[in-house]
């Protein structure tokens, strides 16, 4: 990586202030390989100005619920030593768009589930996704039904395959 000229370098405190982050957060992102710095002759971290764009991308990804690993994977296709070109940005954002779309599908599945069940079992036993008499869900696999539905939705699987089967309410299911 070519070292930028001193006028294009920012001290870690200035980077943190301009990005709205703490200095330890900037250091953490550097340790994770999300951003890069140079060392001055006095061993101080100095960052090229384009790091501010990368930090904005990291913040946007976190606001959308992406993990730092997902953000890092997206950033890995961008050049580390300069601001990305329009074509490079388009390639990264296309991949990221697919991640965001999968996350939206998972959240919509969760929202539909919440709309049909109040969680206590007293008014919606015939369609409740968490009611589990006799441990019927054990045969569906490990973990929460809601979580399995959200994961399947994020993967784009057909919703019918992940919905818990509706069953008629039985007199013994109704609590007074």
Foldseek 3Di string as FASTA:
>chain_A
DDDDDPVQKDFLVVLCVVLVHDSVVVVVCVVVVLADFDQDPVGGTIGGPLVSVSSVLQVVCVVLPHDVVLSSVLSVQADRPDHRDPVSVVVSVVVVVLQSVLQVQLVVLLVVLVVQDVPPQAPRVQQHQQDAPPNPCVVVDDDGLSVQQSNCSSVVHDNVVSGDDGDDDDPVSHDD
